Protein backbone atom coordinates (compact mmCIF):
# COMPACT_ATOMS: atom_id res chain seq x y z
CA MET A 1 0.00 0.00 0.00
CA ALA A 2 1.49 3.36 -1.06
CA TRP A 3 1.70 6.28 1.36
CA HIS A 4 -1.00 8.90 0.69
CA TRP A 5 -0.82 12.62 1.39
CA ALA A 6 -2.51 13.14 4.75
CA HIS A 7 -5.54 15.42 4.82
CA SER A 8 -7.08 16.72 8.01
CA VAL A 9 -9.67 14.42 9.57
CA ASP A 10 -12.69 16.56 8.64
CA THR A 11 -12.03 16.51 4.89
CA THR A 12 -12.62 13.97 2.15
CA CYS A 13 -10.36 12.94 -0.67
CA ASP A 14 -10.80 14.88 -3.89
CA ILE A 15 -11.72 12.86 -6.98
CA TRP A 16 -9.01 14.83 -8.79
CA GLY A 17 -6.44 13.73 -6.21
CA GLU A 18 -3.35 11.87 -7.34
CA GLU A 19 -0.42 11.27 -5.05
CA THR A 20 2.60 9.66 -6.69
CA GLU A 21 6.13 10.06 -5.36
CA TRP A 22 6.80 12.55 -8.17
CA HIS A 23 3.71 14.53 -7.16
CA LEU A 24 4.68 14.56 -3.48
CA ASN A 25 8.26 15.63 -4.29
CA TRP A 26 6.97 18.65 -6.19
CA LYS A 27 4.59 19.68 -3.40
CA ALA A 28 7.34 19.29 -0.79
CA GLN A 29 9.27 22.12 -2.47
CA PHE A 30 6.57 24.64 -1.51
CA PRO A 31 5.60 26.04 1.88
CA LYS A 32 2.92 23.86 3.48
CA GLU A 33 0.50 26.77 3.71
CA LEU A 34 0.33 26.85 -0.12
CA ALA A 35 -0.31 23.11 -0.55
CA GLU A 36 -3.60 21.24 -0.63
CA ILE A 37 -5.78 24.35 -0.57
CA SER A 38 -9.52 23.72 -0.76
CA ILE A 39 -11.19 25.85 -3.42
CA GLU A 40 -14.93 26.18 -3.90
CA ASN A 41 -16.47 27.25 -7.19
CA ASN A 42 -20.25 27.18 -7.76
CA GLY A 43 -20.77 24.87 -4.79
CA ILE A 44 -18.14 22.36 -5.97
CA LYS A 45 -14.95 21.86 -3.96
CA HIS A 46 -11.57 20.64 -5.14
CA ARG A 47 -8.17 20.68 -3.51
CA ALA A 48 -5.49 22.55 -5.43
CA ASP A 49 -2.00 21.07 -5.29
CA ILE A 50 -0.54 24.54 -4.82
CA CYS A 51 -2.43 27.84 -4.55
CA PHE A 52 -0.59 31.15 -4.37
CA PRO A 53 -1.91 34.25 -2.58
CA ASN A 54 -2.87 35.70 -5.99
CA GLU A 55 -5.08 32.59 -6.46
CA THR A 56 -2.91 31.07 -9.20
CA VAL A 57 -3.11 27.29 -8.91
CA ILE A 58 -0.44 24.78 -9.90
CA GLU A 59 -1.65 21.31 -10.82
CA PHE A 60 0.95 18.53 -10.88
CA GLN A 61 -0.08 15.72 -13.20
CA HIS A 62 1.74 12.41 -13.46
CA SER A 63 -0.86 10.29 -15.25
CA SER A 64 -2.71 10.95 -18.48
CA LEU A 65 -5.83 13.09 -18.55
CA SER A 66 -8.49 13.26 -21.21
CA VAL A 67 -9.16 16.51 -23.07
CA GLU A 68 -12.42 16.77 -21.12
CA GLU A 69 -10.60 16.43 -17.78
CA ILE A 70 -8.10 19.12 -18.77
CA ARG A 71 -10.91 21.49 -19.76
CA GLU A 72 -12.85 20.73 -16.57
CA ARG A 73 -9.89 21.59 -14.36
CA GLU A 74 -9.00 24.71 -16.33
CA ASN A 75 -12.61 25.91 -16.15
CA PHE A 76 -12.74 25.24 -12.42
CA TYR A 77 -9.44 26.85 -11.39
CA LYS A 78 -9.42 29.61 -14.05
CA ASN A 79 -5.92 30.97 -13.27
CA MET A 80 -3.68 27.94 -13.29
CA ILE A 81 -0.42 26.34 -14.41
CA TRP A 82 0.12 22.72 -15.44
CA ILE A 83 3.23 20.69 -14.63
CA PHE A 84 3.17 17.29 -16.32
CA ASP A 85 5.63 14.49 -15.59
CA VAL A 86 7.18 13.36 -18.90
CA SER A 87 10.40 12.04 -17.40
CA GLU A 88 9.70 8.44 -18.43
CA SER A 89 9.17 9.50 -22.07
CA PHE A 90 12.33 11.61 -21.94
CA TYR A 91 14.52 8.84 -20.49
CA LYS A 92 13.19 6.24 -22.94
CA GLY A 93 14.02 8.57 -25.83
CA ASN A 94 10.37 9.08 -26.75
CA PHE A 95 10.42 12.82 -26.01
CA ILE A 96 13.28 14.31 -28.01
CA PRO A 97 13.97 18.07 -27.84
CA ARG A 98 16.18 19.70 -30.50
CA PHE A 99 17.60 23.20 -30.43
CA ALA A 100 16.43 25.46 -33.28
CA ILE A 101 18.25 28.83 -32.91
CA THR A 102 15.78 30.70 -30.61
CA HIS A 103 13.77 27.83 -29.17
CA TYR A 104 13.50 24.07 -28.99
CA THR A 105 11.36 21.83 -31.12
CA PHE A 106 10.46 18.31 -30.11
CA ARG A 107 9.12 15.02 -31.37
CA TRP A 108 7.20 12.81 -28.95
CA LYS A 109 6.51 9.15 -29.68
CA HIS A 110 3.50 7.86 -27.71
CA ALA A 111 2.63 11.44 -26.76
CA ARG A 112 -0.05 12.38 -24.28
CA LYS A 113 -2.01 14.11 -27.02
CA SER A 114 -4.51 15.71 -24.66
CA ILE A 115 -1.77 18.06 -23.38
CA ALA A 116 -1.98 19.81 -26.76
CA TYR A 117 -5.46 21.00 -25.79
CA ALA A 118 -4.45 22.71 -22.55
CA SER A 119 -5.16 26.43 -22.74
CA LYS A 120 -3.20 27.34 -19.60
CA PRO A 121 0.61 27.45 -19.28
CA VAL A 122 2.18 23.99 -19.54
CA TYR A 123 5.53 22.87 -18.18
CA LEU A 124 6.86 19.38 -18.87
CA ASP A 125 9.13 17.96 -16.17
CA LEU A 126 11.94 16.12 -17.96
CA GLY A 127 13.12 14.62 -14.67
CA ASN A 128 16.72 15.74 -14.99
CA GLY A 129 16.58 19.17 -13.35
CA TYR A 130 15.19 20.69 -16.56
CA ILE A 131 11.69 21.74 -17.53
CA PHE A 132 10.31 22.13 -21.03
CA HIS A 133 8.05 25.23 -21.15
CA LEU A 134 5.61 24.26 -23.85
CA SER A 135 4.72 26.96 -26.40
CA LYS A 136 2.94 24.79 -28.96
CA MET A 137 2.08 21.13 -29.30
CA TYR A 138 0.51 19.44 -32.28
CA PRO A 139 -1.88 16.61 -31.38
CA ASP A 140 -1.62 14.90 -34.77
CA ALA A 141 1.15 12.48 -35.68
CA PRO A 142 4.01 12.96 -35.80
CA ASN A 143 3.46 14.60 -32.42
CA GLY A 144 5.71 17.52 -31.81
CA GLY A 145 5.84 21.15 -31.00
CA SER A 146 8.06 23.85 -29.61
CA GLY A 147 9.05 25.63 -26.43
CA LYS A 148 11.97 26.55 -24.23
CA ILE A 149 14.05 24.46 -21.86
CA ILE A 150 14.64 26.05 -18.48
CA ARG A 151 16.30 24.85 -15.32
CA LYS A 152 13.89 23.64 -12.66
CA ILE A 153 15.57 25.92 -10.11
CA LYS A 154 14.72 28.95 -12.27
CA LEU A 155 11.07 27.91 -12.43
CA MET A 156 11.05 27.39 -8.66
CA ASN A 157 12.52 30.87 -8.15
CA ASN A 158 9.67 32.29 -10.26
CA PHE A 159 7.18 30.44 -8.08
CA ILE A 160 8.84 31.75 -4.90
CA GLU A 161 8.36 35.29 -6.25
CA MET A 162 4.67 34.49 -6.87
CA ALA A 163 4.39 33.37 -3.26
CA GLY A 164 5.77 36.72 -2.15
CA ARG A 165 8.82 35.25 -0.44
């Protein structure tokens, strides 16, 4: 049985909840007061992975989501950022970034095509201390797109600024 993020006794688990080791490692990098924040919208409650004082939400996503699930979360949270775990694809050579003068392009075998339909900022965790900030992704084969590669520490510093620290 895998360890599960502990919620206070008077709460219930969120149907959007997902707690992998990758997910927990990301959340552990933020102050506890920003993590697992309950948000209510039109009488529906969900727990945001991270919620900044300006109400920007970060959702960490390890497993695949359908296009409908992506839209549902974006509509619920409004102001949000996605961080998807693509480290397995990167290490297996299925996600291949290539430098193209001012940005990176990529090809992605066995892509999570639904990510192409996200309308909020998307960051792809390559699992090696680097993040691919997605600018464009094409859902049709051959799956690919473009973006920038940034160091994870730089992204974390941006988040610390958002937290007002």
